[in-house]
Amino acid sequence: MYRFFYDEQGKSMHVKEFVDHYSKLYFEGSAYSDINSEVAEKRIKEILKKKSENGDYKFKVSEVKDILAWKIGKINHKKSNLENKVIYINPWDGDELRIYRTRIDIDDITERVNSVNPNITLSDYIDCIKCPGIGDVYIITLRYFASGGKYPIYDQFAYRAIKAIKGDTESGFGIWIDNPDTTFEKSNLSDDNKFSYYSAIAKANIEKGRFRIIYDAPDTITVGVYAQYKNDIEEVFKDYIINSDESEIEKNRKIDQALWVYGHYYKSKVKKYNR
């Protein structure tokens, strides 16, 4: 299986370099992704670690509230860093919590998460947790924490990143060039035996001083799509997972962070950037 790990200039990277580089950008920001708060990251790791170290641990309502705020973008990352505590974006800090105008019952959600075994099938877990305002992607996130990190979070940007790394020809071949001086020969795509049709497209775009070829994520997540996504992560990052001395939580979080940043470069369906 071909694996394509690139830096911002289209140069090849080793898997560890890839994870270290892009997970760092998760907190610094990149050309296409925002800065994430290290304070918020510390908070969700604390929650995750509690469950990882004690499978019988019961989440507090405040912890589930923070998990969902982190996932749906209700944390003010800049203010959180400045004030050294998690700061919500209103109205998440109010008495009534809403996701896309739908009121959620945070007490009920917490009770469900604490009472359902995360190791049952994903379909059954979704059926047990699903309630107003909490869709499948959010349930997968809750399962990630409830399992102590056993089952990865699903994210549209991570999905795109995995497709790009694998060179998924069904979705298109992905590469970006942020450096207008980058040539086709320096892009690691000069081997015509590797997806020659996509190499030709990449060459034409690079020669015109622009980048593209894109990946799109499915509009809805299915059990089958998630299963393949999980397997792809395990396969693509197998060497990193085996050889890294970091804790399981740290390794998994760094992979997720790196994929989130990398996937932002592939978030447009049809878009070309002129230089």
Protein backbone atom coordinates (compact mmCIF):
# COMPACT_ATOMS: atom_id res chain seq x y z
CA MET A 1 0.00 0.00 0.00
CA TYR A 2 1.35 3.40 -0.94
CA ARG A 3 1.42 5.97 1.83
CA PHE A 4 1.89 9.62 1.08
CA PHE A 5 3.09 11.76 3.96
CA TYR A 6 3.89 15.29 2.82
CA ASP A 7 4.97 18.53 4.40
CA GLU A 8 3.50 21.86 3.27
CA GLN A 9 5.92 22.05 0.35
CA GLY A 10 4.95 18.65 -0.99
CA LYS A 11 8.10 16.90 0.23
CA SER A 12 7.92 13.34 1.54
CA MET A 13 7.99 12.71 5.30
CA HIS A 14 8.38 9.68 7.53
CA VAL A 15 5.31 8.77 9.56
CA LYS A 16 6.83 9.94 12.85
CA GLU A 17 7.88 13.24 11.27
CA PHE A 18 4.36 13.61 9.95
CA VAL A 19 2.72 13.03 13.34
CA ASP A 20 5.15 15.25 15.23
CA HIS A 21 4.95 18.08 12.72
CA TYR A 22 1.19 18.28 12.21
CA SER A 23 0.25 17.57 15.82
CA LYS A 24 2.38 20.59 16.73
CA LEU A 25 0.49 22.72 14.20
CA TYR A 26 -2.73 21.68 15.94
CA PHE A 27 -1.81 24.16 18.69
CA GLU A 28 -0.04 26.71 16.51
CA GLY A 29 -2.44 26.87 13.58
CA SER A 30 -1.68 26.42 9.90
CA ALA A 31 -2.60 28.13 6.66
CA TYR A 32 -5.98 26.40 6.70
CA SER A 33 -6.70 25.40 10.29
CA ASP A 34 -7.25 27.39 13.46
CA ILE A 35 -5.30 27.28 16.72
CA ASN A 36 -6.51 24.80 19.34
CA SER A 37 -6.15 25.41 23.05
CA GLU A 38 -3.61 23.40 25.02
CA VAL A 39 -5.77 24.09 28.06
CA ALA A 40 -8.77 22.40 26.42
CA GLU A 41 -6.56 19.52 25.28
CA LYS A 42 -5.31 19.03 28.84
CA ARG A 43 -8.89 18.94 30.07
CA ILE A 44 -10.08 16.28 27.65
CA LYS A 45 -6.97 14.18 28.31
CA GLU A 46 -7.71 14.34 32.03
CA ILE A 47 -11.23 13.05 31.39
CA LEU A 48 -9.98 10.36 29.04
CA LYS A 49 -7.27 9.25 31.46
CA LYS A 50 -9.77 8.80 34.30
CA LYS A 51 -11.71 6.29 32.24
CA SER A 52 -8.62 4.64 30.81
CA GLU A 53 -7.19 3.99 34.27
CA ASN A 54 -10.50 3.04 35.86
CA GLY A 55 -13.02 1.34 33.60
CA ASP A 56 -15.71 1.71 36.28
CA TYR A 57 -15.31 5.47 36.47
CA LYS A 58 -18.60 7.39 36.10
CA PHE A 59 -18.42 10.67 34.22
CA LYS A 60 -19.61 13.83 35.87
CA VAL A 61 -22.13 16.01 34.05
CA SER A 62 -19.49 18.75 33.80
CA GLU A 63 -17.12 16.31 32.05
CA VAL A 64 -19.66 15.27 29.43
CA LYS A 65 -20.48 18.94 28.95
CA ASP A 66 -16.81 19.63 28.26
CA ILE A 67 -16.50 16.65 25.91
CA LEU A 68 -19.38 17.87 23.78
CA ALA A 69 -18.24 21.50 23.91
CA TRP A 70 -14.81 20.39 22.66
CA LYS A 71 -16.28 18.29 19.84
CA ILE A 72 -18.88 20.73 18.52
CA GLY A 73 -16.72 23.84 18.66
CA LYS A 74 -18.16 25.54 21.74
CA ILE A 75 -14.78 26.30 23.34
CA ASN A 76 -13.11 29.67 22.92
CA HIS A 77 -9.58 28.43 22.42
CA LYS A 78 -7.80 31.78 22.53
CA LYS A 79 -9.49 32.87 25.76
CA SER A 80 -8.96 29.45 27.30
CA ASN A 81 -5.22 29.78 26.76
CA LEU A 82 -5.16 33.35 28.07
CA GLU A 83 -7.18 32.57 31.21
CA ASN A 84 -5.73 29.08 31.72
CA LYS A 85 -9.15 27.47 32.01
CA VAL A 86 -11.78 26.21 29.60
CA ILE A 87 -13.90 29.12 28.38
CA TYR A 88 -17.09 28.34 26.50
CA ILE A 89 -18.55 30.20 23.58
CA ASN A 90 -22.00 31.40 24.63
CA PRO A 91 -24.70 30.21 24.83
CA TRP A 92 -23.06 26.90 25.81
CA ASP A 93 -22.38 28.43 29.19
CA GLY A 94 -26.05 29.01 29.85
CA ASP A 95 -28.66 26.87 31.58
CA GLU A 96 -30.06 25.45 28.34
CA LEU A 97 -27.54 23.69 26.11
CA ARG A 98 -28.39 23.48 22.43
CA ILE A 99 -26.77 21.83 19.44
CA TYR A 100 -27.94 23.36 16.17
CA ARG A 101 -31.00 24.82 17.93
CA THR A 102 -31.95 21.48 19.47
CA ARG A 103 -32.01 21.51 23.26
CA ILE A 104 -30.04 18.65 24.80
CA ASP A 105 -30.53 17.10 28.22
CA ILE A 106 -26.97 16.88 29.52
CA ASP A 107 -28.05 14.95 32.65
CA ASP A 108 -29.79 12.31 30.55
CA ILE A 109 -26.83 12.03 28.17
CA THR A 110 -24.42 11.60 31.08
CA GLU A 111 -26.60 8.90 32.60
CA ARG A 112 -26.77 7.03 29.29
CA VAL A 113 -23.01 7.18 28.76
CA ASN A 114 -22.40 5.93 32.29
CA SER A 115 -24.85 3.05 31.99
CA VAL A 116 -24.07 1.67 28.51
CA ASN A 117 -21.15 -0.69 27.83
CA PRO A 118 -19.02 0.98 25.12
CA ASN A 119 -17.78 -2.41 23.92
CA ILE A 120 -21.13 -3.46 22.45
CA THR A 121 -21.46 -3.09 18.70
CA LEU A 122 -21.42 0.44 17.36
CA SER A 123 -24.95 0.06 16.02
CA ASP A 124 -26.25 -1.00 19.42
CA TYR A 125 -24.28 1.74 21.18
CA ILE A 126 -25.76 4.38 18.88
CA ASP A 127 -29.26 3.06 19.55
CA CYS A 128 -28.70 3.23 23.30
CA ILE A 129 -27.18 6.72 23.40
CA LYS A 130 -29.14 8.50 20.67
CA CYS A 131 -31.36 11.28 21.96
CA PRO A 132 -32.44 14.77 20.79
CA GLY A 133 -29.49 16.79 19.49
CA ILE A 134 -26.96 13.96 19.73
CA GLY A 135 -26.19 12.53 16.30
CA ASP A 136 -23.99 9.58 15.37
CA VAL A 137 -20.71 11.54 15.16
CA TYR A 138 -21.21 12.89 18.68
CA ILE A 139 -22.10 9.42 19.94
CA ILE A 140 -18.88 8.06 18.44
CA THR A 141 -17.03 10.79 20.35
CA LEU A 142 -18.76 9.84 23.59
CA ARG A 143 -17.88 6.20 22.95
CA TYR A 144 -14.23 7.19 22.51
CA PHE A 145 -14.17 8.64 26.02
CA ALA A 146 -16.36 5.92 27.52
CA SER A 147 -13.97 3.27 26.18
CA GLY A 148 -10.90 5.06 27.52
CA GLY A 149 -9.71 5.76 23.98
CA LYS A 150 -10.24 2.29 22.50
CA TYR A 151 -12.44 3.45 19.64
CA PRO A 152 -11.25 6.53 17.70
CA ILE A 153 -13.20 9.71 17.21
CA TYR A 154 -14.62 10.24 13.73
CA ASP A 155 -13.84 13.56 12.12
CA GLN A 156 -14.43 14.70 8.54
CA PHE A 157 -10.98 16.27 8.32
CA ALA A 158 -9.26 13.15 9.64
CA TYR A 159 -11.25 11.15 7.07
CA ARG A 160 -9.97 13.33 4.24
CA ALA A 161 -6.43 13.10 5.58
CA ILE A 162 -6.52 9.30 5.64
CA LYS A 163 -7.75 9.25 2.03
CA ALA A 164 -4.92 11.55 0.99
CA ILE A 165 -2.27 9.53 2.83
CA LYS A 166 -3.46 6.31 1.20
CA GLY A 167 -3.65 7.91 -2.26
CA ASP A 168 -7.25 6.80 -2.66
CA THR A 169 -7.75 6.90 -6.42
CA GLU A 170 -11.51 6.58 -6.09
CA SER A 171 -11.68 9.93 -4.33
CA GLY A 172 -8.90 11.59 -6.30
CA PHE A 173 -5.23 12.07 -5.65
CA GLY A 174 -4.46 14.77 -3.12
CA ILE A 175 -1.51 17.10 -2.91
CA TRP A 176 -1.06 20.76 -2.14
CA ILE A 177 1.83 23.05 -2.89
CA ASP A 178 2.19 26.07 -0.64
CA ASN A 179 5.60 27.00 -1.99
CA PRO A 180 5.33 28.47 -5.51
CA ASP A 181 8.97 27.46 -6.13
CA THR A 182 8.21 23.78 -5.70
CA THR A 183 8.68 21.85 -8.92
CA PHE A 184 7.04 18.65 -10.00
CA GLU A 185 10.34 16.80 -9.56
CA LYS A 186 10.51 17.89 -5.90
CA SER A 187 6.94 16.85 -5.18
CA ASN A 188 7.62 13.10 -5.07
CA LEU A 189 5.06 12.53 -7.81
CA SER A 190 7.43 12.13 -10.73
CA ASP A 191 7.11 8.34 -10.85
CA ASP A 192 4.64 7.77 -13.67
CA ASN A 193 4.01 4.26 -12.41
CA LYS A 194 2.23 5.71 -9.39
CA PHE A 195 -1.28 6.72 -10.37
CA SER A 196 -0.09 8.25 -13.64
CA TYR A 197 -3.42 9.97 -14.40
CA TYR A 198 -3.33 11.84 -11.10
CA SER A 199 0.38 12.55 -11.46
CA ALA A 200 -0.37 14.29 -14.75
CA ILE A 201 -3.02 16.44 -13.10
CA ALA A 202 -0.68 17.32 -10.25
CA LYS A 203 2.10 18.19 -12.69
CA ALA A 204 -0.15 20.51 -14.66
CA ASN A 205 -1.33 22.31 -11.52
CA ILE A 206 2.17 22.68 -10.12
CA GLU A 207 3.50 24.04 -13.39
CA LYS A 208 0.73 26.64 -13.37
CA GLY A 209 1.68 27.64 -9.84
CA ARG A 210 -1.41 26.33 -8.07
CA PHE A 211 -2.32 23.30 -6.08
CA ARG A 212 -5.16 20.91 -5.92
CA ILE A 213 -6.94 17.69 -6.21
CA ILE A 214 -9.23 17.10 -3.36
CA TYR A 215 -10.95 14.66 -1.08
CA ASP A 216 -14.46 14.85 0.22
CA ALA A 217 -15.95 13.27 3.32
CA PRO A 218 -19.30 11.45 3.32
CA ASP A 219 -22.31 13.52 4.31
CA THR A 220 -23.35 10.90 6.85
CA ILE A 221 -21.29 8.43 8.84
CA THR A 222 -22.30 4.76 8.65
CA VAL A 223 -21.12 1.78 10.66
CA GLY A 224 -19.33 0.47 7.57
CA VAL A 225 -17.59 3.77 6.82
CA TYR A 226 -16.49 4.08 10.44
CA ALA A 227 -15.14 0.51 10.50
CA GLN A 228 -13.02 1.17 7.41
CA TYR A 229 -11.88 4.52 8.81
CA LYS A 230 -10.78 2.85 12.07
CA ASN A 231 -8.94 0.10 10.20
CA ASP A 232 -7.20 2.66 7.96
CA ILE A 233 -5.89 4.61 10.95
CA GLU A 234 -4.54 1.46 12.56
CA GLU A 235 -2.92 0.35 9.30
CA VAL A 236 -1.44 3.70 8.24
CA PHE A 237 0.02 4.48 11.67
CA LYS A 238 0.97 0.94 12.67
CA ASP A 239 4.73 1.63 12.69
CA TYR A 240 4.31 4.80 14.72
CA ILE A 241 2.02 3.11 17.25
CA ILE A 242 4.39 0.16 17.69
CA ASN A 243 7.62 2.14 17.90
CA SER A 244 6.56 5.15 19.95
CA ASP A 245 7.35 5.10 23.67
CA GLU A 246 4.51 7.49 24.50
CA SER A 247 1.35 6.41 26.31
CA GLU A 248 -1.55 5.05 24.30
CA ILE A 249 -3.58 8.18 25.01
CA GLU A 250 -0.75 10.46 23.91
CA LYS A 251 -0.13 8.48 20.71
CA ASN A 252 -3.80 8.42 19.79
CA ARG A 253 -4.27 12.10 20.52
CA LYS A 254 -1.24 13.09 18.44
CA ILE A 255 -2.46 11.02 15.49
CA ASP A 256 -5.90 12.61 15.74
CA GLN A 257 -4.38 16.10 15.96
CA ALA A 258 -2.11 15.53 12.97
CA LEU A 259 -4.95 14.16 10.83
CA TRP A 260 -7.21 17.06 11.79
CA VAL A 261 -4.66 19.62 10.58
CA TYR A 262 -3.66 17.65 7.47
CA GLY A 263 -7.27 17.09 6.47
CA HIS A 264 -7.99 20.81 6.36
CA TYR A 265 -5.84 21.03 3.26
CA TYR A 266 -8.33 18.78 1.46
CA LYS A 267 -11.61 20.23 2.64
CA SER A 268 -12.88 21.79 -0.62
CA LYS A 269 -14.76 19.75 -3.20
CA VAL A 270 -13.58 21.75 -6.21
CA LYS A 271 -11.11 24.51 -5.60
CA LYS A 272 -7.92 25.72 -7.22
CA TYR A 273 -5.65 28.37 -5.79
CA ASN A 274 -3.85 30.62 -8.25
CA ARG A 275 -0.43 32.01 -7.39
